[in-house]
All heavy atoms as atom14 arrays in JSON, in Angstrom:
{
  "sequence": "RSLLDTVRALMAAPAAPGVQSGTGEDWGPLNALLTSAFGGGRTATVV",
  "atom14_mask": [
    [1, 1, 1, 1, 1, 1, 1, 1, 1, 1, 1, 0, 0, 0],
    [1, 1, 1, 1, 1, 1, 0, 0, 0, 0, 0, 0, 0, 0],
    [1, 1, 1, 1, 1, 1, 1, 1, 0, 0, 0, 0, 0, 0],
    [1, 1, 1, 1, 1, 1, 1, 1, 0, 0, 0, 0, 0, 0],
    [1, 1, 1, 1, 1, 1, 1, 1, 0, 0, 0, 0, 0, 0],
    [1, 1, 1, 1, 1, 1, 1, 0, 0, 0, 0, 0, 0, 0],
    [1, 1, 1, 1, 1, 1, 1, 0, 0, 0, 0, 0, 0, 0],
    [1, 1, 1, 1, 1, 1, 1, 1, 1, 1, 1, 0, 0, 0],
    [1, 1, 1, 1, 1, 0, 0, 0, 0, 0, 0, 0, 0, 0],
    [1, 1, 1, 1, 1, 1, 1, 1, 0, 0, 0, 0, 0, 0],
    [1, 1, 1, 1, 1, 1, 1, 1, 0, 0, 0, 0, 0, 0],
    [1, 1, 1, 1, 1, 0, 0, 0, 0, 0, 0, 0, 0, 0],
    [1, 1, 1, 1, 1, 0, 0, 0, 0, 0, 0, 0, 0, 0],
    [1, 1, 1, 1, 1, 1, 1, 0, 0, 0, 0, 0, 0, 0],
    [1, 1, 1, 1, 1, 0, 0, 0, 0, 0, 0, 0, 0, 0],
    [1, 1, 1, 1, 1, 0, 0, 0, 0, 0, 0, 0, 0, 0],
    [1, 1, 1, 1, 1, 1, 1, 0, 0, 0, 0, 0, 0, 0],
    [1, 1, 1, 1, 0, 0, 0, 0, 0, 0, 0, 0, 0, 0],
    [1, 1, 1, 1, 1, 1, 1, 0, 0, 0, 0, 0, 0, 0],
    [1, 1, 1, 1, 1, 1, 1, 1, 1, 0, 0, 0, 0, 0],
    [1, 1, 1, 1, 1, 1, 0, 0, 0, 0, 0, 0, 0, 0],
    [1, 1, 1, 1, 0, 0, 0, 0, 0, 0, 0, 0, 0, 0],
    [1, 1, 1, 1, 1, 1, 1, 0, 0, 0, 0, 0, 0, 0],
    [1, 1, 1, 1, 0, 0, 0, 0, 0, 0, 0, 0, 0, 0],
    [1, 1, 1, 1, 1, 1, 1, 1, 1, 0, 0, 0, 0, 0],
    [1, 1, 1, 1, 1, 1, 1, 1, 0, 0, 0, 0, 0, 0],
    [1, 1, 1, 1, 1, 1, 1, 1, 1, 1, 1, 1, 1, 1],
    [1, 1, 1, 1, 0, 0, 0, 0, 0, 0, 0, 0, 0, 0],
    [1, 1, 1, 1, 1, 1, 1, 0, 0, 0, 0, 0, 0, 0],
    [1, 1, 1, 1, 1, 1, 1, 1, 0, 0, 0, 0, 0, 0],
    [1, 1, 1, 1, 1, 1, 1, 1, 0, 0, 0, 0, 0, 0],
    [1, 1, 1, 1, 1, 0, 0, 0, 0, 0, 0, 0, 0, 0],
    [1, 1, 1, 1, 1, 1, 1, 1, 0, 0, 0, 0, 0, 0],
    [1, 1, 1, 1, 1, 1, 1, 1, 0, 0, 0, 0, 0, 0],
    [1, 1, 1, 1, 1, 1, 1, 0, 0, 0, 0, 0, 0, 0],
    [1, 1, 1, 1, 1, 1, 0, 0, 0, 0, 0, 0, 0, 0],
    [1, 1, 1, 1, 1, 0, 0, 0, 0, 0, 0, 0, 0, 0],
    [1, 1, 1, 1, 1, 1, 1, 1, 1, 1, 1, 0, 0, 0],
    [1, 1, 1, 1, 0, 0, 0, 0, 0, 0, 0, 0, 0, 0],
    [1, 1, 1, 1, 0, 0, 0, 0, 0, 0, 0, 0, 0, 0],
    [1, 1, 1, 1, 0, 0, 0, 0, 0, 0, 0, 0, 0, 0],
    [1, 1, 1, 1, 1, 1, 1, 1, 1, 1, 1, 0, 0, 0],
    [1, 1, 1, 1, 1, 1, 1, 0, 0, 0, 0, 0, 0, 0],
    [1, 1, 1, 1, 1, 0, 0, 0, 0, 0, 0, 0, 0, 0],
    [1, 1, 1, 1, 1, 1, 1, 0, 0, 0, 0, 0, 0, 0],
    [1, 1, 1, 1, 1, 1, 1, 0, 0, 0, 0, 0, 0, 0],
    [1, 1, 1, 1, 1, 1, 1, 0, 0, 0, 0, 0, 0, 0]
  ],
  "atom14_positions": [
    [[103.04, 88.86, 87.62], [102.55, 89.48, 88.79], [101.47, 90.53, 88.43], [101.47, 90.96, 87.22], [103.62, 90.04, 89.62], [104.45, 91.16, 88.97], [105.57, 91.68, 89.86], [106.34, 92.7, 89.22], [107.46, 93.24, 89.73], [107.87, 92.79, 90.97], [108.16, 94.12, 89.15], [0.0, 0.0, 0.0], [0.0, 0.0, 0.0], [0.0, 0.0, 0.0]],
    [[100.65, 90.85, 89.36], [99.61, 91.88, 89.01], [100.13, 93.24, 88.93], [101.28, 93.54, 89.29], [98.53, 91.78, 90.21], [99.15, 92.35, 91.41], [0.0, 0.0, 0.0], [0.0, 0.0, 0.0], [0.0, 0.0, 0.0], [0.0, 0.0, 0.0], [0.0, 0.0, 0.0], [0.0, 0.0, 0.0], [0.0, 0.0, 0.0], [0.0, 0.0, 0.0]],
    [[99.28, 94.13, 88.45], [99.72, 95.56, 88.26], [99.93, 96.15, 89.63], [100.81, 96.92, 89.82], [98.57, 96.35, 87.5], [98.83, 97.84, 87.3], [100.14, 97.99, 86.56], [97.7, 98.49, 86.67], [0.0, 0.0, 0.0], [0.0, 0.0, 0.0], [0.0, 0.0, 0.0], [0.0, 0.0, 0.0], [0.0, 0.0, 0.0], [0.0, 0.0, 0.0]],
    [[99.15, 95.73, 90.6], [99.29, 96.27, 92.0], [100.63, 95.96, 92.51], [101.4, 96.7, 93.05], [98.22, 95.74, 92.89], [98.3, 96.12, 94.41], [98.36, 97.58, 94.58], [97.22, 95.5, 95.22], [0.0, 0.0, 0.0], [0.0, 0.0, 0.0], [0.0, 0.0, 0.0], [0.0, 0.0, 0.0], [0.0, 0.0, 0.0], [0.0, 0.0, 0.0]],
    [[101.03, 94.66, 92.42], [102.34, 94.25, 92.91], [103.46, 94.91, 92.15], [104.55, 95.21, 92.7], [102.48, 92.66, 92.73], [101.61, 91.93, 93.79], [101.27, 92.55, 94.79], [101.35, 90.77, 93.54], [0.0, 0.0, 0.0], [0.0, 0.0, 0.0], [0.0, 0.0, 0.0], [0.0, 0.0, 0.0], [0.0, 0.0, 0.0], [0.0, 0.0, 0.0]],
    [[103.29, 95.1, 90.81], [104.28, 95.88, 90.08], [104.45, 97.23, 90.66], [105.55, 97.86, 90.78], [103.9, 95.89, 88.54], [103.72, 94.58, 88.14], [104.94, 96.6, 87.74], [0.0, 0.0, 0.0], [0.0, 0.0, 0.0], [0.0, 0.0, 0.0], [0.0, 0.0, 0.0], [0.0, 0.0, 0.0], [0.0, 0.0, 0.0], [0.0, 0.0, 0.0]],
    [[103.35, 97.98, 90.84], [103.49, 99.3, 91.38], [104.05, 99.32, 92.75], [104.95, 100.12, 93.08], [102.01, 100.0, 91.46], [102.04, 101.28, 92.21], [101.43, 100.16, 90.1], [0.0, 0.0, 0.0], [0.0, 0.0, 0.0], [0.0, 0.0, 0.0], [0.0, 0.0, 0.0], [0.0, 0.0, 0.0], [0.0, 0.0, 0.0], [0.0, 0.0, 0.0]],
    [[103.73, 98.4, 93.64], [104.26, 98.35, 94.94], [105.83, 98.06, 94.88], [106.58, 98.66, 95.64], [103.64, 97.2, 95.77], [102.19, 97.65, 96.3], [101.65, 96.47, 96.97], [100.47, 96.89, 97.79], [99.58, 96.03, 98.26], [99.78, 94.62, 98.11], [98.53, 96.36, 98.94], [0.0, 0.0, 0.0], [0.0, 0.0, 0.0], [0.0, 0.0, 0.0]],
    [[106.22, 97.17, 93.92], [107.57, 96.89, 93.88], [108.4, 98.13, 93.46], [109.5, 98.34, 93.93], [107.86, 95.78, 92.89], [0.0, 0.0, 0.0], [0.0, 0.0, 0.0], [0.0, 0.0, 0.0], [0.0, 0.0, 0.0], [0.0, 0.0, 0.0], [0.0, 0.0, 0.0], [0.0, 0.0, 0.0], [0.0, 0.0, 0.0], [0.0, 0.0, 0.0]],
    [[107.83, 98.85, 92.49], [108.62, 100.07, 92.06], [108.55, 101.15, 93.1], [109.42, 102.07, 93.07], [107.9, 100.6, 90.7], [108.12, 99.66, 89.5], [107.23, 100.1, 88.36], [109.63, 99.74, 89.04], [0.0, 0.0, 0.0], [0.0, 0.0, 0.0], [0.0, 0.0, 0.0], [0.0, 0.0, 0.0], [0.0, 0.0, 0.0], [0.0, 0.0, 0.0]],
    [[107.61, 101.13, 93.96], [107.62, 102.11, 95.06], [108.49, 101.6, 96.26], [108.69, 102.27, 97.19], [106.14, 102.35, 95.63], [105.19, 102.93, 94.72], [103.46, 102.81, 95.26], [103.63, 103.71, 96.83], [0.0, 0.0, 0.0], [0.0, 0.0, 0.0], [0.0, 0.0, 0.0], [0.0, 0.0, 0.0], [0.0, 0.0, 0.0], [0.0, 0.0, 0.0]],
    [[108.94, 100.35, 96.11], [109.77, 99.65, 97.15], [108.97, 99.63, 98.49], [109.44, 99.84, 99.53], [111.08, 100.41, 97.43], [0.0, 0.0, 0.0], [0.0, 0.0, 0.0], [0.0, 0.0, 0.0], [0.0, 0.0, 0.0], [0.0, 0.0, 0.0], [0.0, 0.0, 0.0], [0.0, 0.0, 0.0], [0.0, 0.0, 0.0], [0.0, 0.0, 0.0]],
    [[107.66, 99.27, 98.33], [106.79, 99.31, 99.48], [106.85, 98.01, 100.22], [106.73, 96.92, 99.51], [105.39, 99.63, 99.09], [0.0, 0.0, 0.0], [0.0, 0.0, 0.0], [0.0, 0.0, 0.0], [0.0, 0.0, 0.0], [0.0, 0.0, 0.0], [0.0, 0.0, 0.0], [0.0, 0.0, 0.0], [0.0, 0.0, 0.0], [0.0, 0.0, 0.0]],
    [[107.05, 97.98, 101.52], [107.04, 96.63, 102.25], [105.68, 96.0, 102.26], [105.54, 94.9, 102.75], [107.47, 97.1, 103.69], [107.18, 98.55, 103.77], [107.36, 99.09, 102.4], [0.0, 0.0, 0.0], [0.0, 0.0, 0.0], [0.0, 0.0, 0.0], [0.0, 0.0, 0.0], [0.0, 0.0, 0.0], [0.0, 0.0, 0.0], [0.0, 0.0, 0.0]],
    [[104.69, 96.7, 101.81], [103.34, 96.11, 101.8], [103.25, 94.97, 100.79], [102.31, 94.22, 100.75], [102.29, 97.13, 101.32], [0.0, 0.0, 0.0], [0.0, 0.0, 0.0], [0.0, 0.0, 0.0], [0.0, 0.0, 0.0], [0.0, 0.0, 0.0], [0.0, 0.0, 0.0], [0.0, 0.0, 0.0], [0.0, 0.0, 0.0], [0.0, 0.0, 0.0]],
    [[104.26, 94.77, 99.98], [104.37, 93.68, 99.0], [105.6, 92.84, 99.35], [106.65, 92.89, 98.7], [104.44, 94.18, 97.55], [0.0, 0.0, 0.0], [0.0, 0.0, 0.0], [0.0, 0.0, 0.0], [0.0, 0.0, 0.0], [0.0, 0.0, 0.0], [0.0, 0.0, 0.0], [0.0, 0.0, 0.0], [0.0, 0.0, 0.0], [0.0, 0.0, 0.0]],
    [[105.52, 91.97, 100.48], [106.71, 91.31, 100.93], [107.23, 90.35, 99.78], [106.36, 89.68, 99.12], [106.19, 90.56, 102.07], [104.74, 90.5, 101.86], [104.33, 91.67, 101.22], [0.0, 0.0, 0.0], [0.0, 0.0, 0.0], [0.0, 0.0, 0.0], [0.0, 0.0, 0.0], [0.0, 0.0, 0.0], [0.0, 0.0, 0.0], [0.0, 0.0, 0.0]],
    [[108.5, 90.29, 99.79], [109.14, 89.32, 98.76], [109.2, 89.85, 97.41], [109.88, 89.23, 96.48], [0.0, 0.0, 0.0], [0.0, 0.0, 0.0], [0.0, 0.0, 0.0], [0.0, 0.0, 0.0], [0.0, 0.0, 0.0], [0.0, 0.0, 0.0], [0.0, 0.0, 0.0], [0.0, 0.0, 0.0], [0.0, 0.0, 0.0], [0.0, 0.0, 0.0]],
    [[108.63, 91.02, 97.03], [108.73, 91.6, 95.74], [109.76, 92.75, 95.71], [109.59, 93.66, 96.48], [107.38, 92.06, 95.24], [107.36, 92.72, 93.9], [106.35, 90.94, 95.26], [0.0, 0.0, 0.0], [0.0, 0.0, 0.0], [0.0, 0.0, 0.0], [0.0, 0.0, 0.0], [0.0, 0.0, 0.0], [0.0, 0.0, 0.0], [0.0, 0.0, 0.0]],
    [[110.77, 92.54, 94.91], [111.81, 93.53, 94.8], [111.7, 94.36, 93.56], [111.39, 93.87, 92.55], [113.14, 92.9, 94.91], [113.33, 92.06, 96.24], [113.37, 92.85, 97.5], [113.8, 94.02, 97.52], [112.73, 92.37, 98.5], [0.0, 0.0, 0.0], [0.0, 0.0, 0.0], [0.0, 0.0, 0.0], [0.0, 0.0, 0.0], [0.0, 0.0, 0.0]],
    [[111.92, 95.68, 93.67], [111.95, 96.47, 92.46], [113.28, 96.19, 91.65], [114.26, 95.65, 92.24], [112.0, 97.97, 92.89], [113.16, 98.31, 93.66], [0.0, 0.0, 0.0], [0.0, 0.0, 0.0], [0.0, 0.0, 0.0], [0.0, 0.0, 0.0], [0.0, 0.0, 0.0], [0.0, 0.0, 0.0], [0.0, 0.0, 0.0], [0.0, 0.0, 0.0]],
    [[113.2, 96.59, 90.29], [114.31, 96.19, 89.51], [115.44, 97.11, 89.68], [115.46, 98.02, 90.56], [0.0, 0.0, 0.0], [0.0, 0.0, 0.0], [0.0, 0.0, 0.0], [0.0, 0.0, 0.0], [0.0, 0.0, 0.0], [0.0, 0.0, 0.0], [0.0, 0.0, 0.0], [0.0, 0.0, 0.0], [0.0, 0.0, 0.0], [0.0, 0.0, 0.0]],
    [[116.55, 96.82, 88.97], [117.76, 97.61, 89.14], [117.61, 98.97, 88.5], [118.39, 99.97, 88.8], [118.9, 96.9, 88.42], [118.73, 96.8, 87.06], [119.15, 95.54, 89.05], [0.0, 0.0, 0.0], [0.0, 0.0, 0.0], [0.0, 0.0, 0.0], [0.0, 0.0, 0.0], [0.0, 0.0, 0.0], [0.0, 0.0, 0.0], [0.0, 0.0, 0.0]],
    [[116.7, 99.15, 87.62], [116.52, 100.43, 86.95], [117.36, 100.58, 85.67], [117.26, 101.54, 85.03], [0.0, 0.0, 0.0], [0.0, 0.0, 0.0], [0.0, 0.0, 0.0], [0.0, 0.0, 0.0], [0.0, 0.0, 0.0], [0.0, 0.0, 0.0], [0.0, 0.0, 0.0], [0.0, 0.0, 0.0], [0.0, 0.0, 0.0], [0.0, 0.0, 0.0]],
    [[118.06, 99.5, 85.26], [118.87, 99.62, 84.05], [117.99, 99.85, 82.77], [118.34, 100.61, 81.96], [119.7, 98.31, 83.9], [120.77, 98.2, 84.91], [121.5, 96.85, 84.74], [121.21, 96.12, 83.91], [122.39, 96.67, 85.61], [0.0, 0.0, 0.0], [0.0, 0.0, 0.0], [0.0, 0.0, 0.0], [0.0, 0.0, 0.0], [0.0, 0.0, 0.0]],
    [[116.86, 99.12, 82.77], [116.01, 99.26, 81.54], [115.39, 100.66, 81.41], [115.28, 101.12, 80.27], [114.82, 98.3, 81.7], [115.38, 96.86, 81.56], [116.47, 96.63, 81.04], [114.71, 95.92, 82.02], [0.0, 0.0, 0.0], [0.0, 0.0, 0.0], [0.0, 0.0, 0.0], [0.0, 0.0, 0.0], [0.0, 0.0, 0.0], [0.0, 0.0, 0.0]],
    [[115.07, 101.32, 82.61], [114.28, 102.57, 82.51], [115.2, 103.77, 82.88], [114.79, 104.88, 82.92], [113.15, 102.54, 83.2], [113.23, 101.89, 84.57], [112.87, 100.72, 84.95], [113.65, 102.55, 85.84], [113.06, 100.49, 86.31], [113.59, 101.6, 86.91], [114.15, 103.78, 86.12], [113.94, 101.86, 88.17], [114.46, 104.09, 87.42], [114.46, 103.13, 88.47]],
    [[116.54, 103.5, 83.09], [117.43, 104.57, 83.42], [117.44, 105.76, 82.56], [117.3, 106.9, 83.04], [0.0, 0.0, 0.0], [0.0, 0.0, 0.0], [0.0, 0.0, 0.0], [0.0, 0.0, 0.0], [0.0, 0.0, 0.0], [0.0, 0.0, 0.0], [0.0, 0.0, 0.0], [0.0, 0.0, 0.0], [0.0, 0.0, 0.0], [0.0, 0.0, 0.0]],
    [[117.63, 105.63, 81.14], [117.61, 106.82, 80.3], [116.3, 107.58, 80.32], [116.27, 108.79, 80.28], [117.87, 106.16, 79.0], [118.61, 104.82, 79.26], [117.97, 104.4, 80.42], [0.0, 0.0, 0.0], [0.0, 0.0, 0.0], [0.0, 0.0, 0.0], [0.0, 0.0, 0.0], [0.0, 0.0, 0.0], [0.0, 0.0, 0.0], [0.0, 0.0, 0.0]],
    [[115.16, 106.88, 80.4], [113.89, 107.49, 80.37], [113.66, 108.27, 81.7], [113.22, 109.41, 81.76], [112.76, 106.47, 80.28], [111.28, 107.07, 80.36], [111.05, 108.14, 79.26], [110.21, 106.0, 80.25], [0.0, 0.0, 0.0], [0.0, 0.0, 0.0], [0.0, 0.0, 0.0], [0.0, 0.0, 0.0], [0.0, 0.0, 0.0], [0.0, 0.0, 0.0]],
    [[114.17, 107.66, 82.76], [114.08, 108.43, 84.09], [114.91, 109.58, 84.07], [114.42, 110.63, 84.74], [114.49, 107.4, 85.23], [113.93, 107.94, 86.56], [112.82, 108.27, 86.7], [114.87, 107.79, 87.6], [0.0, 0.0, 0.0], [0.0, 0.0, 0.0], [0.0, 0.0, 0.0], [0.0, 0.0, 0.0], [0.0, 0.0, 0.0], [0.0, 0.0, 0.0]],
    [[116.08, 109.57, 83.44], [116.84, 110.76, 83.4], [116.14, 111.85, 82.54], [116.18, 113.03, 82.93], [118.2, 110.44, 82.71], [0.0, 0.0, 0.0], [0.0, 0.0, 0.0], [0.0, 0.0, 0.0], [0.0, 0.0, 0.0], [0.0, 0.0, 0.0], [0.0, 0.0, 0.0], [0.0, 0.0, 0.0], [0.0, 0.0, 0.0], [0.0, 0.0, 0.0]],
    [[115.38, 111.43, 81.49], [114.69, 112.4, 80.72], [113.53, 112.98, 81.48], [113.35, 114.27, 81.52], [114.13, 111.81, 79.47], [113.25, 112.63, 78.55], [113.99, 113.77, 78.04], [112.71, 111.71, 77.37], [0.0, 0.0, 0.0], [0.0, 0.0, 0.0], [0.0, 0.0, 0.0], [0.0, 0.0, 0.0], [0.0, 0.0, 0.0], [0.0, 0.0, 0.0]],
    [[112.86, 112.17, 82.34], [111.71, 112.74, 83.16], [112.31, 113.64, 84.22], [111.67, 114.72, 84.51], [110.93, 111.58, 83.79], [110.16, 110.7, 82.88], [109.55, 109.51, 83.7], [109.09, 111.52, 82.32], [0.0, 0.0, 0.0], [0.0, 0.0, 0.0], [0.0, 0.0, 0.0], [0.0, 0.0, 0.0], [0.0, 0.0, 0.0], [0.0, 0.0, 0.0]],
    [[113.43, 113.27, 84.83], [114.0, 114.09, 85.89], [114.46, 115.39, 85.33], [114.17, 116.51, 85.97], [115.22, 113.38, 86.54], [114.75, 112.08, 87.1], [115.71, 114.23, 87.67], [0.0, 0.0, 0.0], [0.0, 0.0, 0.0], [0.0, 0.0, 0.0], [0.0, 0.0, 0.0], [0.0, 0.0, 0.0], [0.0, 0.0, 0.0], [0.0, 0.0, 0.0]],
    [[115.04, 115.42, 84.16], [115.45, 116.7, 83.68], [114.31, 117.6, 83.21], [114.38, 118.8, 83.24], [116.44, 116.49, 82.4], [115.78, 115.82, 81.4], [0.0, 0.0, 0.0], [0.0, 0.0, 0.0], [0.0, 0.0, 0.0], [0.0, 0.0, 0.0], [0.0, 0.0, 0.0], [0.0, 0.0, 0.0], [0.0, 0.0, 0.0], [0.0, 0.0, 0.0]],
    [[113.27, 116.9, 82.7], [112.09, 117.71, 82.21], [111.11, 118.16, 83.31], [110.58, 119.26, 83.23], [111.39, 116.89, 81.15], [0.0, 0.0, 0.0], [0.0, 0.0, 0.0], [0.0, 0.0, 0.0], [0.0, 0.0, 0.0], [0.0, 0.0, 0.0], [0.0, 0.0, 0.0], [0.0, 0.0, 0.0], [0.0, 0.0, 0.0], [0.0, 0.0, 0.0]],
    [[110.99, 117.35, 84.25], [109.86, 117.6, 85.3], [110.37, 117.63, 86.74], [109.55, 117.52, 87.63], [108.75, 116.62, 85.1], [108.19, 116.58, 83.71], [108.52, 115.68, 82.86], [107.44, 117.6, 83.26], [108.0, 115.64, 81.5], [106.87, 117.64, 82.02], [107.16, 116.69, 81.13], [0.0, 0.0, 0.0], [0.0, 0.0, 0.0], [0.0, 0.0, 0.0]],
    [[111.66, 117.64, 86.95], [112.17, 117.73, 88.41], [112.24, 116.35, 88.97], [112.11, 115.38, 88.39], [0.0, 0.0, 0.0], [0.0, 0.0, 0.0], [0.0, 0.0, 0.0], [0.0, 0.0, 0.0], [0.0, 0.0, 0.0], [0.0, 0.0, 0.0], [0.0, 0.0, 0.0], [0.0, 0.0, 0.0], [0.0, 0.0, 0.0], [0.0, 0.0, 0.0]],
    [[112.67, 116.41, 90.3], [112.92, 115.23, 91.04], [114.38, 114.97, 91.17], [115.01, 114.56, 90.31], [0.0, 0.0, 0.0], [0.0, 0.0, 0.0], [0.0, 0.0, 0.0], [0.0, 0.0, 0.0], [0.0, 0.0, 0.0], [0.0, 0.0, 0.0], [0.0, 0.0, 0.0], [0.0, 0.0, 0.0], [0.0, 0.0, 0.0], [0.0, 0.0, 0.0]],
    [[114.99, 115.39, 92.31], [116.45, 115.59, 92.39], [117.06, 114.27, 92.6], [118.26, 114.13, 92.3], [0.0, 0.0, 0.0], [0.0, 0.0, 0.0], [0.0, 0.0, 0.0], [0.0, 0.0, 0.0], [0.0, 0.0, 0.0], [0.0, 0.0, 0.0], [0.0, 0.0, 0.0], [0.0, 0.0, 0.0], [0.0, 0.0, 0.0], [0.0, 0.0, 0.0]],
    [[116.35, 113.31, 93.4], [117.05, 112.08, 93.65], [116.98, 111.06, 92.52], [116.07, 111.03, 91.69], [116.35, 111.41, 94.9], [116.6, 112.24, 96.19], [115.71, 111.84, 97.34], [114.39, 112.3, 97.06], [113.27, 111.9, 97.89], [113.52, 111.12, 98.84], [112.18, 112.27, 97.55], [0.0, 0.0, 0.0], [0.0, 0.0, 0.0], [0.0, 0.0, 0.0]],
    [[117.87, 110.17, 92.46], [117.97, 109.2, 91.36], [117.78, 107.76, 91.85], [117.57, 106.87, 91.1], [119.32, 109.25, 90.59], [120.41, 108.97, 91.59], [119.5, 110.72, 90.01], [0.0, 0.0, 0.0], [0.0, 0.0, 0.0], [0.0, 0.0, 0.0], [0.0, 0.0, 0.0], [0.0, 0.0, 0.0], [0.0, 0.0, 0.0], [0.0, 0.0, 0.0]],
    [[117.88, 107.43, 93.15], [117.66, 106.11, 93.6], [116.29, 105.87, 93.85], [115.45, 106.7, 94.18], [118.54, 105.88, 94.95], [0.0, 0.0, 0.0], [0.0, 0.0, 0.0], [0.0, 0.0, 0.0], [0.0, 0.0, 0.0], [0.0, 0.0, 0.0], [0.0, 0.0, 0.0], [0.0, 0.0, 0.0], [0.0, 0.0, 0.0], [0.0, 0.0, 0.0]],
    [[115.82, 104.55, 93.76], [114.45, 104.11, 94.15], [114.29, 104.04, 95.57], [114.64, 102.94, 96.19], [114.2, 102.76, 93.39], [114.44, 102.96, 92.03], [112.61, 102.4, 93.64], [0.0, 0.0, 0.0], [0.0, 0.0, 0.0], [0.0, 0.0, 0.0], [0.0, 0.0, 0.0], [0.0, 0.0, 0.0], [0.0, 0.0, 0.0], [0.0, 0.0, 0.0]],
    [[113.86, 105.06, 96.16], [113.64, 105.06, 97.66], [112.15, 105.51, 97.97], [111.46, 105.91, 97.11], [114.64, 106.06, 98.38], [116.09, 105.62, 98.15], [114.43, 107.44, 97.87], [0.0, 0.0, 0.0], [0.0, 0.0, 0.0], [0.0, 0.0, 0.0], [0.0, 0.0, 0.0], [0.0, 0.0, 0.0], [0.0, 0.0, 0.0], [0.0, 0.0, 0.0]],
    [[111.87, 105.35, 99.25], [110.5, 105.74, 99.67], [110.64, 106.97, 100.47], [111.29, 107.0, 101.5], [109.82, 104.59, 100.46], [108.5, 105.01, 100.95], [109.71, 103.37, 99.58], [0.0, 0.0, 0.0], [0.0, 0.0, 0.0], [0.0, 0.0, 0.0], [0.0, 0.0, 0.0], [0.0, 0.0, 0.0], [0.0, 0.0, 0.0], [0.0, 0.0, 0.0]]
  ]
}
């Protein structure tokens, strides 16, 4: 899929119908590092 579709899926944007974001298992540890270093209190992929 294109980079645009990838970005939309990770944003969980309905502008990309049929494309679902991943479970987050692959990037969970990195996301925790980003959250601890630069803020962002929520952990679920929401809009």
